[in-house]
Amino acid sequence: MDSHTKASLVPPLEAVPFPRPTERPPAEHDTSTAERGSFCLALCTCGWRGPARRSRDLARKDATRHTSP
């Protein structure tokens, strides 16, 4: 039998830093994606964050849906 390799620890998704608040809220939503281990999630300057996804494309679509009216 093959010996298993030790897995590296990944910080929990709650540890993803949010953009720092400014003195006044931004006029527009500025979204980005962040990766945590094998997961990707969408973040916005308003404090919103999307669900963790294994697909970067789905995370980008979450961000697009967040910014569209």
PDB file of N, CA and C in Angstrom:
ATOM      1  N   MET A   1       0.839  -1.182   0.000  1.00  0.00           N
ATOM      2  CA  MET A   1       0.000   0.000   0.000  1.00  0.00           C
ATOM      3  C   MET A   1       0.881   1.241   0.000  1.00  0.00           C
ATOM      4  N   ASP A   2       0.400   2.266  -0.679  1.00  0.00           N
ATOM      5  CA  ASP A   2       1.113   3.538  -0.695  1.00  0.00           C
ATOM      6  C   ASP A   2       0.827   4.290   0.591  1.00  0.00           C
ATOM      7  N   SER A   3       1.841   4.924   1.090  1.00  0.00           N
ATOM      8  CA  SER A   3       1.622   5.738   2.289  1.00  0.00           C
ATOM      9  C   SER A   3       0.964   7.049   1.880  1.00  0.00           C
ATOM     10  N   HIS A   4       0.104   7.562   2.718  1.00  0.00           N
ATOM     11  CA  HIS A   4      -0.592   8.815   2.440  1.00  0.00           C
ATOM     12  C   HIS A   4       0.311   9.992   2.757  1.00  0.00           C
ATOM     13  N   THR A   5       0.198  11.015   1.963  1.00  0.00           N
ATOM     14  CA  THR A   5       0.954  12.226   2.254  1.00  0.00           C
ATOM     15  C   THR A   5       0.148  13.082   3.218  1.00  0.00           C
ATOM     16  N   LYS A   6       0.830  13.853   3.986  1.00  0.00           N
ATOM     17  CA  LYS A   6       0.146  14.715   4.944  1.00  0.00           C
ATOM     18  C   LYS A   6      -0.462  15.902   4.216  1.00  0.00           C
ATOM     19  N   ALA A   7      -1.687  16.222   4.553  1.00  0.00           N
ATOM     20  CA  ALA A   7      -2.372  17.357   3.939  1.00  0.00           C
ATOM     21  C   ALA A   7      -1.946  18.652   4.618  1.00  0.00           C
ATOM     22  N   SER A   8      -1.818  19.685   3.836  1.00  0.00           N
ATOM     23  CA  SER A   8      -1.485  20.983   4.422  1.00  0.00           C
ATOM     24  C   SER A   8      -2.772  21.654   4.886  1.00  0.00           C
ATOM     25  N   LEU A   9      -2.710  22.351   5.980  1.00  0.00           N
ATOM     26  CA  LEU A   9      -3.875  23.024   6.526  1.00  0.00           C
ATOM     27  C   LEU A   9      -4.152  24.304   5.757  1.00  0.00           C
ATOM     28  N   VAL A  10      -5.416  24.582   5.530  1.00  0.00           N
ATOM     29  CA  VAL A  10      -5.854  25.784   4.828  1.00  0.00           C
ATOM     30  C   VAL A  10      -6.712  26.586   5.799  1.00  0.00           C
ATOM     31  N   PRO A  11      -6.520  27.905   5.883  1.00  0.00           N
ATOM     32  CA  PRO A  11      -7.343  28.703   6.786  1.00  0.00           C
ATOM     33  C   PRO A  11      -8.825  28.574   6.422  1.00  0.00           C
ATOM     34  N   PRO A  12      -9.714  28.680   7.406  1.00  0.00           N
ATOM     35  CA  PRO A  12     -11.141  28.587   7.097  1.00  0.00           C
ATOM     36  C   PRO A  12     -11.579  29.734   6.192  1.00  0.00           C
ATOM     37  N   LEU A  13     -12.675  29.514   5.456  1.00  0.00           N
ATOM     38  CA  LEU A  13     -13.151  30.528   4.517  1.00  0.00           C
ATOM     39  C   LEU A  13     -13.523  31.823   5.215  1.00  0.00           C
ATOM     40  N   GLU A  14     -13.877  31.752   6.493  1.00  0.00           N
ATOM     41  CA  GLU A  14     -14.218  32.971   7.227  1.00  0.00           C
ATOM     42  C   GLU A  14     -12.988  33.861   7.422  1.00  0.00           C
ATOM     43  N   ALA A  15     -11.800  33.301   7.212  1.00  0.00           N
ATOM     44  CA  ALA A  15     -10.570  34.060   7.410  1.00  0.00           C
ATOM     45  C   ALA A  15     -10.207  34.917   6.200  1.00  0.00           C
ATOM     46  N   VAL A  16     -11.023  34.886   5.141  1.00  0.00           N
ATOM     47  CA  VAL A  16     -10.753  35.714   3.960  1.00  0.00           C
ATOM     48  C   VAL A  16     -10.936  37.174   4.356  1.00  0.00           C
ATOM     49  N   PRO A  17      -9.906  37.987   4.178  1.00  0.00           N
ATOM     50  CA  PRO A  17     -10.046  39.388   4.593  1.00  0.00           C
ATOM     51  C   PRO A  17     -10.980  40.154   3.671  1.00  0.00           C
ATOM     52  N   PHE A  18     -11.845  40.948   4.250  1.00  0.00           N
ATOM     53  CA  PHE A  18     -12.720  41.818   3.482  1.00  0.00           C
ATOM     54  C   PHE A  18     -11.976  43.102   3.164  1.00  0.00           C
ATOM     55  N   PRO A  19     -12.359  43.776   2.098  1.00  0.00           N
ATOM     56  CA  PRO A  19     -11.745  45.080   1.814  1.00  0.00           C
ATOM     57  C   PRO A  19     -11.992  46.027   2.985  1.00  0.00           C
ATOM     58  N   ARG A  20     -10.998  46.832   3.275  1.00  0.00           N
ATOM     59  CA  ARG A  20     -11.133  47.760   4.408  1.00  0.00           C
ATOM     60  C   ARG A  20     -12.180  48.826   4.107  1.00  0.00           C
ATOM     61  N   PRO A  21     -13.026  49.113   5.074  1.00  0.00           N
ATOM     62  CA  PRO A  21     -14.055  50.138   4.824  1.00  0.00           C
ATOM     63  C   PRO A  21     -13.421  51.518   4.692  1.00  0.00           C
ATOM     64  N   THR A  22     -14.014  52.316   3.828  1.00  0.00           N
ATOM     65  CA  THR A  22     -13.558  53.683   3.653  1.00  0.00           C
ATOM     66  C   THR A  22     -14.471  54.602   4.456  1.00  0.00           C
ATOM     67  N   GLU A  23     -14.166  55.879   4.457  1.00  0.00           N
ATOM     68  CA  GLU A  23     -14.990  56.817   5.217  1.00  0.00           C
ATOM     69  C   GLU A  23     -16.411  56.874   4.686  1.00  0.00           C
ATOM     70  N   ARG A  24     -16.582  56.716   3.400  1.00  0.00           N
ATOM     71  CA  ARG A  24     -17.928  56.681   2.824  1.00  0.00           C
ATOM     72  C   ARG A  24     -18.018  55.447   1.930  1.00  0.00           C
ATOM     73  N   PRO A  25     -19.184  54.873   1.815  1.00  0.00           N
ATOM     74  CA  PRO A  25     -19.313  53.673   0.990  1.00  0.00           C
ATOM     75  C   PRO A  25     -19.071  53.984  -0.480  1.00  0.00           C
ATOM     76  N   PRO A  26     -18.528  53.038  -1.222  1.00  0.00           N
ATOM     77  CA  PRO A  26     -18.270  53.281  -2.635  1.00  0.00           C
ATOM     78  C   PRO A  26     -19.575  53.439  -3.411  1.00  0.00           C
ATOM     79  N   ALA A  27     -19.532  54.249  -4.470  1.00  0.00           N
ATOM     80  CA  ALA A  27     -20.723  54.484  -5.274  1.00  0.00           C
ATOM     81  C   ALA A  27     -21.084  53.241  -6.076  1.00  0.00           C
ATOM     82  N   GLU A  28     -20.090  52.472  -6.484  1.00  0.00           N
ATOM     83  CA  GLU A  28     -20.323  51.262  -7.258  1.00  0.00           C
ATOM     84  C   GLU A  28     -19.760  50.061  -6.516  1.00  0.00           C
ATOM     85  N   HIS A  29     -20.265  48.913  -6.873  1.00  0.00           N
ATOM     86  CA  HIS A  29     -19.740  47.675  -6.306  1.00  0.00           C
ATOM     87  C   HIS A  29     -18.492  47.278  -7.077  1.00  0.00           C
ATOM     88  N   ASP A  30     -17.439  46.998  -6.369  1.00  0.00           N
ATOM     89  CA  ASP A  30     -16.186  46.557  -6.976  1.00  0.00           C
ATOM     90  C   ASP A  30     -15.953  45.129  -6.519  1.00  0.00           C
ATOM     91  N   THR A  31     -16.111  44.168  -7.418  1.00  0.00           N
ATOM     92  CA  THR A  31     -15.998  42.761  -7.048  1.00  0.00           C
ATOM     93  C   THR A  31     -14.654  42.187  -7.470  1.00  0.00           C
ATOM     94  N   SER A  32     -14.262  41.145  -6.778  1.00  0.00           N
ATOM     95  CA  SER A  32     -13.051  40.405  -7.103  1.00  0.00           C
ATOM     96  C   SER A  32     -13.257  38.969  -6.637  1.00  0.00           C
ATOM     97  N   THR A  33     -12.303  38.116  -6.947  1.00  0.00           N
ATOM     98  CA  THR A  33     -12.366  36.743  -6.466  1.00  0.00           C
ATOM     99  C   THR A  33     -11.151  36.460  -5.603  1.00  0.00           C
ATOM    100  N   ALA A  34     -11.314  35.556  -4.658  1.00  0.00           N
ATOM    101  CA  ALA A  34     -10.225  35.150  -3.781  1.00  0.00           C
ATOM    102  C   ALA A  34     -10.204  33.633  -3.733  1.00  0.00           C
ATOM    103  N   GLU A  35      -9.028  33.072  -3.647  1.00  0.00           N
ATOM    104  CA  GLU A  35      -8.891  31.628  -3.590  1.00  0.00           C
ATOM    105  C   GLU A  35      -8.432  31.204  -2.207  1.00  0.00           C
ATOM    106  N   ARG A  36      -9.059  30.158  -1.719  1.00  0.00           N
ATOM    107  CA  ARG A  36      -8.691  29.540  -0.448  1.00  0.00           C
ATOM    108  C   ARG A  36      -8.612  28.049  -0.680  1.00  0.00           C
ATOM    109  N   GLY A  37      -7.400  27.544  -0.790  1.00  0.00           N
ATOM    110  CA  GLY A  37      -7.230  26.127  -1.071  1.00  0.00           C
ATOM    111  C   GLY A  37      -7.792  25.815  -2.440  1.00  0.00           C
ATOM    112  N   SER A  38      -8.673  24.832  -2.526  1.00  0.00           N
ATOM    113  CA  SER A  38      -9.261  24.463  -3.808  1.00  0.00           C
ATOM    114  C   SER A  38     -10.578  25.192  -4.065  1.00  0.00           C
ATOM    115  N   PHE A  39     -10.913  26.176  -3.243  1.00  0.00           N
ATOM    116  CA  PHE A  39     -12.162  26.910  -3.394  1.00  0.00           C
ATOM    117  C   PHE A  39     -11.900  28.340  -3.842  1.00  0.00           C
ATOM    118  N   CYS A  40     -12.873  28.910  -4.522  1.00  0.00           N
ATOM    119  CA  CYS A  40     -12.813  30.292  -4.986  1.00  0.00           C
ATOM    120  C   CYS A  40     -14.118  30.962  -4.572  1.00  0.00           C
ATOM    121  N   LEU A  41     -14.062  32.198  -4.127  1.00  0.00           N
ATOM    122  CA  LEU A  41     -15.280  32.911  -3.778  1.00  0.00           C
ATOM    123  C   LEU A  41     -15.188  34.350  -4.246  1.00  0.00           C
ATOM    124  N   ALA A  42     -16.348  34.922  -4.490  1.00  0.00           N
ATOM    125  CA  ALA A  42     -16.434  36.304  -4.954  1.00  0.00           C
ATOM    126  C   ALA A  42     -16.577  37.221  -3.745  1.00  0.00           C
ATOM    127  N   LEU A  43     -15.901  38.379  -3.800  1.00  0.00           N
ATOM    128  CA  LEU A  43     -15.957  39.381  -2.733  1.00  0.00           C
ATOM    129  C   LEU A  43     -16.325  40.727  -3.344  1.00  0.00           C
ATOM    130  N   CYS A  44     -16.989  41.558  -2.557  1.00  0.00           N
ATOM    131  CA  CYS A  44     -17.354  42.891  -3.010  1.00  0.00           C
ATOM    132  C   CYS A  44     -16.937  43.914  -1.960  1.00  0.00           C
ATOM    133  N   THR A  45     -16.689  45.141  -2.393  1.00  0.00           N
ATOM    134  CA  THR A  45     -16.291  46.201  -1.471  1.00  0.00           C
ATOM    135  C   THR A  45     -17.417  46.580  -0.509  1.00  0.00           C
ATOM    136  N   CYS A  46     -18.670  46.196  -0.817  1.00  0.00           N
ATOM    137  CA  CYS A  46     -19.785  46.506   0.082  1.00  0.00           C
ATOM    138  C   CYS A  46     -19.860  45.531   1.258  1.00  0.00           C
ATOM    139  N   GLY A  47     -19.022  44.478   1.254  1.00  0.00           N
ATOM    140  CA  GLY A  47     -19.029  43.507   2.337  1.00  0.00           C
ATOM    141  C   GLY A  47     -19.672  42.185   1.959  1.00  0.00           C
ATOM    142  N   TRP A  48     -20.317  42.125   0.798  1.00  0.00           N
ATOM    143  CA  TRP A  48     -20.940  40.886   0.331  1.00  0.00           C
ATOM    144  C   TRP A  48     -19.866  39.891  -0.057  1.00  0.00           C
ATOM    145  N   ARG A  49     -20.146  38.611   0.168  1.00  0.00           N
ATOM    146  CA  ARG A  49     -19.276  37.568  -0.364  1.00  0.00           C
ATOM    147  C   ARG A  49     -20.140  36.410  -0.817  1.00  0.00           C
ATOM    148  N   GLY A  50     -19.741  35.813  -1.910  1.00  0.00           N
ATOM    149  CA  GLY A  50     -20.484  34.704  -2.487  1.00  0.00           C
ATOM    150  C   GLY A  50     -20.099  33.395  -1.839  1.00  0.00           C
ATOM    151  N   PRO A  51     -20.814  32.350  -2.196  1.00  0.00           N
ATOM    152  CA  PRO A  51     -20.500  31.032  -1.653  1.00  0.00           C
ATOM    153  C   PRO A  51     -19.176  30.512  -2.211  1.00  0.00           C
ATOM    154  N   ALA A  52     -18.538  29.637  -1.466  1.00  0.00           N
ATOM    155  CA  ALA A  52     -17.293  29.028  -1.922  1.00  0.00           C
ATOM    156  C   ALA A  52     -17.596  28.070  -3.070  1.00  0.00           C
ATOM    157  N   ARG A  53     -16.855  28.213  -4.131  1.00  0.00           N
ATOM    158  CA  ARG A  53     -17.059  27.384  -5.320  1.00  0.00           C
ATOM    159  C   ARG A  53     -15.751  26.702  -5.688  1.00  0.00           C
ATOM    160  N   ARG A  54     -15.837  25.547  -6.292  1.00  0.00           N
ATOM    161  CA  ARG A  54     -14.645  24.901  -6.837  1.00  0.00           C
ATOM    162  C   ARG A  54     -14.331  25.439  -8.232  1.00  0.00           C
ATOM    163  N   SER A  55     -15.289  26.098  -8.849  1.00  0.00           N
ATOM    164  CA  SER A  55     -15.121  26.641 -10.188  1.00  0.00           C
ATOM    165  C   SER A  55     -14.924  28.153 -10.118  1.00  0.00           C
ATOM    166  N   ARG A  56     -13.824  28.638 -10.682  1.00  0.00           N
ATOM    167  CA  ARG A  56     -13.594  30.092 -10.734  1.00  0.00           C
ATOM    168  C   ARG A  56     -14.669  30.771 -11.570  1.00  0.00           C
ATOM    169  N   ASP A  57     -15.091  30.101 -12.642  1.00  0.00           N
ATOM    170  CA  ASP A  57     -16.105  30.679 -13.518  1.00  0.00           C
ATOM    171  C   ASP A  57     -17.415  30.905 -12.769  1.00  0.00           C
ATOM    172  N   LEU A  58     -17.829  29.957 -11.933  1.00  0.00           N
ATOM    173  CA  LEU A  58     -19.053  30.134 -11.145  1.00  0.00           C
ATOM    174  C   LEU A  58     -18.903  31.270 -10.140  1.00  0.00           C
ATOM    175  N   ALA A  59     -17.727  31.417  -9.554  1.00  0.00           N
ATOM    176  CA  ALA A  59     -17.498  32.521  -8.616  1.00  0.00           C
ATOM    177  C   ALA A  59     -17.599  33.863  -9.347  1.00  0.00           C
ATOM    178  N   ARG A  60     -17.054  33.933 -10.573  1.00  0.00           N
ATOM    179  CA  ARG A  60     -17.169  35.165 -11.359  1.00  0.00           C
ATOM    180  C   ARG A  60     -18.623  35.458 -11.723  1.00  0.00           C
ATOM    181  N   LYS A  61     -19.392  34.415 -12.030  1.00  0.00           N
ATOM    182  CA  LYS A  61     -20.810  34.599 -12.342  1.00  0.00           C
ATOM    183  C   LYS A  61     -21.573  35.084 -11.111  1.00  0.00           C
ATOM    184  N   ASP A  62     -21.213  34.589  -9.918  1.00  0.00           N
ATOM    185  CA  ASP A  62     -21.832  35.081  -8.682  1.00  0.00           C
ATOM    186  C   ASP A  62     -21.585  36.577  -8.529  1.00  0.00           C
ATOM    187  N   ALA A  63     -20.347  37.005  -8.809  1.00  0.00           N
ATOM    188  CA  ALA A  63     -20.002  38.428  -8.701  1.00  0.00           C
ATOM    189  C   ALA A  63     -20.780  39.253  -9.719  1.00  0.00           C
ATOM    190  N   THR A  64     -20.934  38.737 -10.934  1.00  0.00           N
ATOM    191  CA  THR A  64     -21.691  39.446 -11.966  1.00  0.00           C
ATOM    192  C   THR A  64     -23.147  39.583 -11.568  1.00  0.00           C
ATOM    193  N   ARG A  65     -23.725  38.527 -11.016  1.00  0.00           N
ATOM    194  CA  ARG A  65     -25.120  38.581 -10.573  1.00  0.00           C
ATOM    195  C   ARG A  65     -25.285  39.567  -9.427  1.00  0.00           C
ATOM    196  N   HIS A  66     -24.283  39.682  -8.572  1.00  0.00           N
ATOM    197  CA  HIS A  66     -24.353  40.609  -7.446  1.00  0.00           C
ATOM    198  C   HIS A  66     -24.372  42.061  -7.931  1.00  0.00           C
ATOM    199  N   THR A  67     -23.601  42.353  -8.960  1.00  0.00           N
ATOM    200  CA  THR A  67     -23.492  43.738  -9.423  1.00  0.00           C
ATOM    201  C   THR A  67     -24.596  44.143 -10.382  1.00  0.00           C
ATOM    202  N   SER A  68     -25.265  43.168 -11.000  1.00  0.00           N
ATOM    203  CA  SER A  68     -26.344  43.533 -11.945  1.00  0.00           C
ATOM    204  C   SER A  68     -27.616  43.867 -11.187  1.00  0.00           C
ATOM    205  N   PRO A  69     -28.373  44.875 -11.689  1.00  0.00           N
ATOM    206  CA  PRO A  69     -29.585  45.324 -10.981  1.00  0.00           C
ATOM    207  C   PRO A  69     -30.720  44.335 -11.030  1.00  0.00           C
TER     208      PRO A  69
END
